[in-house]
Structures are given as structure tokens and as C-alpha cells.
Protein backbone atom coordinates (compact mmCIF):
# COMPACT_ATOMS: atom_id res chain seq x y z
CA MET A 1 168.55 69.57 113.49
CA ASP A 2 170.45 72.70 114.52
CA VAL A 3 173.97 73.47 113.28
CA TYR A 4 175.82 72.31 116.41
CA GLU A 5 173.86 69.05 116.46
CA ALA A 6 174.75 68.48 112.80
CA VAL A 7 178.43 69.08 113.54
CA THR A 8 178.41 66.63 116.45
CA ARG A 9 176.47 63.97 114.49
CA ARG A 10 178.53 64.06 111.31
CA ARG A 11 180.94 61.13 111.07
CA ALA A 12 182.86 59.75 108.11
CA ILE A 13 180.79 56.98 106.51
CA ARG A 14 182.56 54.24 104.57
CA ARG A 15 179.81 51.63 104.12
CA PHE A 16 176.74 52.50 102.08
CA LYS A 17 173.38 50.95 101.21
CA GLY A 18 172.62 50.02 97.61
CA LYS A 19 170.07 52.82 97.22
CA PRO A 20 170.91 55.40 94.52
CA VAL A 21 171.30 59.05 95.52
CA PRO A 22 169.06 61.41 93.48
CA TYR A 23 170.73 64.18 91.50
CA ASP A 24 168.72 66.95 93.18
CA VAL A 25 170.01 65.86 96.60
CA LEU A 26 173.60 66.05 95.34
CA GLU A 27 172.98 69.37 93.61
CA LYS A 28 171.76 70.83 96.91
CA CYS A 29 175.04 69.71 98.51
CA VAL A 30 177.03 71.43 95.76
CA ASP A 31 174.96 74.57 96.24
CA ALA A 32 175.90 74.52 99.93
CA GLY A 33 179.57 74.22 98.92
CA ARG A 34 179.19 77.08 96.44
CA LEU A 35 177.91 79.33 99.24
CA ALA A 36 180.85 78.65 101.58
CA PRO A 37 183.18 81.52 102.49
CA CYS A 38 186.23 81.90 100.26
CA GLY A 39 189.24 84.19 100.21
CA ARG A 40 188.27 87.61 98.78
CA ASN A 41 185.21 85.86 97.26
CA HIS A 42 187.28 84.59 94.34
CA GLN A 43 185.37 81.28 94.03
CA VAL A 44 188.02 79.07 92.42
CA CYS A 45 186.23 75.83 93.37
CA GLU A 46 184.09 73.91 90.89
CA TYR A 47 182.31 70.57 91.30
CA ILE A 48 181.52 67.39 89.41
CA ILE A 49 178.51 65.36 90.55
CA VAL A 50 178.74 61.64 89.77
CA ASN A 51 175.81 59.26 90.32
CA ASP A 52 175.66 57.24 87.08
CA GLU A 53 176.27 53.54 87.82
CA GLN A 54 178.98 53.12 85.18
CA MET A 55 180.74 56.31 86.19
CA LEU A 56 180.64 55.25 89.86
CA SER A 57 182.83 52.27 88.96
CA SER A 58 185.23 54.47 87.01
CA VAL A 59 185.67 56.86 89.93
CA PHE A 60 185.98 54.04 92.46
CA GLY A 61 188.76 52.54 90.34
CA THR A 62 190.88 55.65 90.97
CA ILE A 63 190.77 55.34 94.78
CA ILE A 64 194.10 54.09 96.15
CA SER A 65 193.25 53.28 99.76
CA TRP A 66 190.15 53.19 101.94
CA ALA A 67 190.47 54.07 105.63
CA GLY A 68 194.16 53.22 105.43
CA GLU A 69 193.55 49.75 103.98
CA PRO A 70 193.70 48.36 100.44
CA VAL A 71 190.47 49.22 98.61
CA SER A 72 189.68 45.58 97.72
CA LYS A 73 189.70 44.57 101.39
CA ALA A 74 188.00 47.60 102.94
CA ALA A 75 185.23 48.33 100.43
CA PRO A 76 183.33 45.26 99.16
CA PRO A 77 181.17 45.93 96.07
CA GLU A 78 177.84 45.84 97.95
CA SER A 79 178.87 48.67 100.29
CA ARG A 80 180.58 51.05 97.86
CA PRO A 81 179.56 54.71 97.40
CA LYS A 82 176.47 55.51 95.35
CA ALA A 83 177.60 59.03 94.47
CA TYR A 84 180.62 61.31 94.44
CA ILE A 85 181.15 65.03 94.52
CA ILE A 86 184.54 65.91 93.11
CA ILE A 87 185.88 69.30 94.22
CA LEU A 88 188.05 70.95 91.59
CA ILE A 89 190.38 73.94 91.69
CA ASN A 90 190.19 76.16 88.61
CA ARG A 91 193.90 76.85 88.32
CA THR A 92 193.43 79.52 85.65
CA LEU A 93 191.27 81.61 87.98
CA GLU A 94 193.65 80.93 90.84
CA THR A 95 196.79 82.12 89.02
CA GLU A 96 195.02 85.15 87.56
CA LEU A 97 194.56 86.28 91.15
CA ASP A 98 197.97 85.54 92.64
CA ALA A 99 200.54 82.87 91.88
CA SER A 100 201.04 82.26 95.62
CA ARG A 101 197.33 81.82 96.39
CA ARG A 102 197.30 78.00 96.87
CA ARG A 103 197.29 78.28 100.68
CA VAL A 104 194.10 80.36 100.54
CA THR A 105 192.58 77.99 97.99
CA LEU A 106 193.08 75.02 100.30
CA TYR A 107 191.18 76.85 103.05
CA ASP A 108 188.44 77.56 100.49
CA VAL A 109 188.22 73.85 99.68
CA GLY A 110 188.02 72.95 103.38
CA MET A 111 185.16 75.34 104.02
CA ALA A 112 183.31 74.20 100.91
CA VAL A 113 183.61 70.49 101.72
CA GLU A 114 182.31 70.98 105.26
CA ASN A 115 179.23 72.71 103.83
CA VAL A 116 178.78 69.86 101.34
CA MET A 117 178.97 67.23 104.09
CA LEU A 118 176.60 69.04 106.46
CA ALA A 119 174.04 69.56 103.68
CA ALA A 120 174.34 65.85 102.87
CA LEU A 121 173.83 64.87 106.52
CA GLU A 122 170.66 66.96 106.71
CA GLN A 123 169.30 64.95 103.76
CA GLY A 124 170.22 61.57 105.27
CA ILE A 125 173.34 61.07 103.15
CA GLY A 126 176.63 59.83 104.60
CA THR A 127 179.93 61.23 103.36
CA CYS A 128 183.66 60.75 103.65
CA PRO A 129 186.27 63.13 102.15
CA MET A 130 189.05 61.26 100.36
CA LEU A 131 192.54 62.37 99.38
CA MET A 132 193.96 58.96 98.44
CA PHE A 133 193.11 58.81 94.74
CA ASP A 134 195.06 58.70 91.48
CA GLU A 135 194.52 62.21 90.13
CA GLY A 136 195.73 61.36 86.62
CA LYS A 137 193.32 58.44 86.26
CA LEU A 138 190.46 60.45 87.76
CA LYS A 139 191.03 63.37 85.40
CA GLN A 140 191.05 60.96 82.47
CA ALA A 141 187.89 59.14 83.63
CA LEU A 142 185.94 62.39 84.09
CA ASN A 143 187.45 64.35 81.19
CA ILE A 144 188.84 67.03 83.54
CA PRO A 145 190.93 69.65 81.69
CA ASP A 146 194.63 70.10 82.43
CA ASP A 147 194.11 73.55 83.95
CA TYR A 148 192.07 72.06 86.82
CA ASP A 149 193.39 70.26 89.91
CA VAL A 150 191.35 67.70 91.80
CA ALA A 151 191.30 68.92 95.39
CA LEU A 152 189.10 66.30 97.03
CA VAL A 153 186.75 63.40 96.35
CA VAL A 154 183.69 63.18 98.61
CA VAL A 155 182.26 59.64 98.66
CA MET A 156 178.53 59.58 99.35
CA GLY A 157 175.53 57.35 99.88
CA TYR A 158 172.85 56.30 102.33
CA PRO A 159 174.76 55.09 105.42
CA ASP A 160 175.00 51.40 106.21
CA GLU A 161 177.00 51.95 109.39
CA SER A 162 176.75 54.16 112.48
CA PRO A 163 180.22 55.15 113.71
CA VAL A 164 180.40 56.29 117.32
CA MET A 165 182.46 59.14 118.68
CA GLU A 166 184.28 58.58 121.97
CA VAL A 167 186.83 60.35 124.13
CA SER A 168 190.43 59.63 123.17
CA THR A 169 192.47 57.83 125.81
CA GLY A 170 195.76 58.47 124.04
CA SER A 171 195.38 57.14 120.51
CA VAL A 172 193.25 58.96 117.95
CA GLU A 173 193.24 56.04 115.50
CA HIS A 174 189.74 54.93 114.60
CA TRP A 175 189.01 51.23 115.04
CA VAL A 176 186.30 48.68 114.32
CA ASP A 177 185.01 46.39 117.08
CA SER A 178 183.90 42.74 116.77
CA GLN A 179 180.35 43.90 115.92
CA GLY A 180 181.61 45.93 112.96
CA VAL A 181 181.04 49.30 114.69
CA ARG A 182 183.63 51.97 113.87
CA HIS A 183 184.89 53.95 116.90
CA VAL A 184 186.25 57.46 116.36
CA PRO A 185 188.30 58.84 119.30
CA LYS A 186 188.35 62.63 119.70
CA ARG A 187 190.62 64.63 122.00
CA LYS A 188 188.88 66.25 124.98
CA LEU A 189 187.77 69.86 124.66
CA GLU A 190 189.87 70.89 127.67
CA ASP A 191 192.95 69.27 126.11
CA ILE A 192 192.82 71.43 122.99
CA THR A 193 191.47 74.73 124.35
CA HIS A 194 193.60 77.61 125.64
CA HIS A 195 191.94 80.64 127.25
CA ASN A 196 193.34 84.13 126.54
CA LYS A 197 196.88 82.77 126.23
CA PHE A 198 198.64 79.46 125.64
CA SER A 199 198.54 77.48 128.85
């Protein structure tokens, strides 16, 4: 699979098979994140890999909503993630560099998570980046020190759904049809591209 094909095939996966995800697969994803570009090469991102069954439940318990719905409704136990990669921001390193660096750090996180998700896709693993979690509970569950912020939780597992991308006809809200297939509308290329100047 070439890079462009990977980009066009990657979709957010929210239903997973019961098969565990091996640690070495997850470690390869973290390595891809580690190698992402970052502002002035300062490397303030760190990662926690979670694939222990008991810890999976602890992390899942910190998620507030799932695809805009209550977790209990949207994520039945049999389809929950089988791994997580938690992306952390080492705040001590960040503030040693520049107290106003957070904007750069957020770009760093974005580039790292895309690498993580593409490396996962190549290995047959589905992913979905999540921001709706209780950071306090998550830090307590994973023993994360106070001088770290949780930037993002990437839910992972072998996919048990195949979302389809389609052209947006106005709304960009994803939706699920009567067969349980998730549809993901994307704006047309010509609607978001400007050539040489804003047109």
C-alpha cells in the first residue's frame, strides 16, 4: 500500500473484534509517532501503550462520549477497543523551551498521531483519535505524573466495521445506515482548494 492509498483508506474505526493486539504491533505504531516532524525537533511527546485486559477497562472507563453518543449506548462490551496509545505532552520539556510553545506542541501531536494511525492501518489495526475523556481519571488510572498533559487517546483494535467515505452534499456529519455501515461525508476537493490566490 502506498502512502496516498493509506491516507485515502484510513477511516475512524469504532467497533473492534475481540482479538488482542500484540505489543510489538503497538510499539511499531509508537515508533512511527516518535519519528514524526516536530517543532525545532524538541520532541515533547511521550506515549503509553495499553493492551492489558484489566487496564483496557480502566482506560475505557475514562471515556466520556463515543462518536457523540453516550459510551454505554455507542460502545457495547463486545466491540470495545483492544488497545490504546495515549499521547502525552511532557510539560517540563515544553516550558523549558518556551512558555508560549503550546500551539507548536499541538501541531506536533497532530503529526505524531497521523503517523501512529497510518502505521496501525498498514498492520491491519483500526484506530480512532479521542478527545472526550476525563483527564484526571485517566492520569490516576495510568499513574501519569502531574507535569504531563494527556493530549490524545487513540483507541485501537482489529476492525469490525468498514466505514465508507462519500462526497458531502451539504452536511459533514457521519451517519450509520440500516445495515450498520458508517458513512463519512467529505467535502469535494474543488470546494476546498484555491489556486495561487483565494478564489
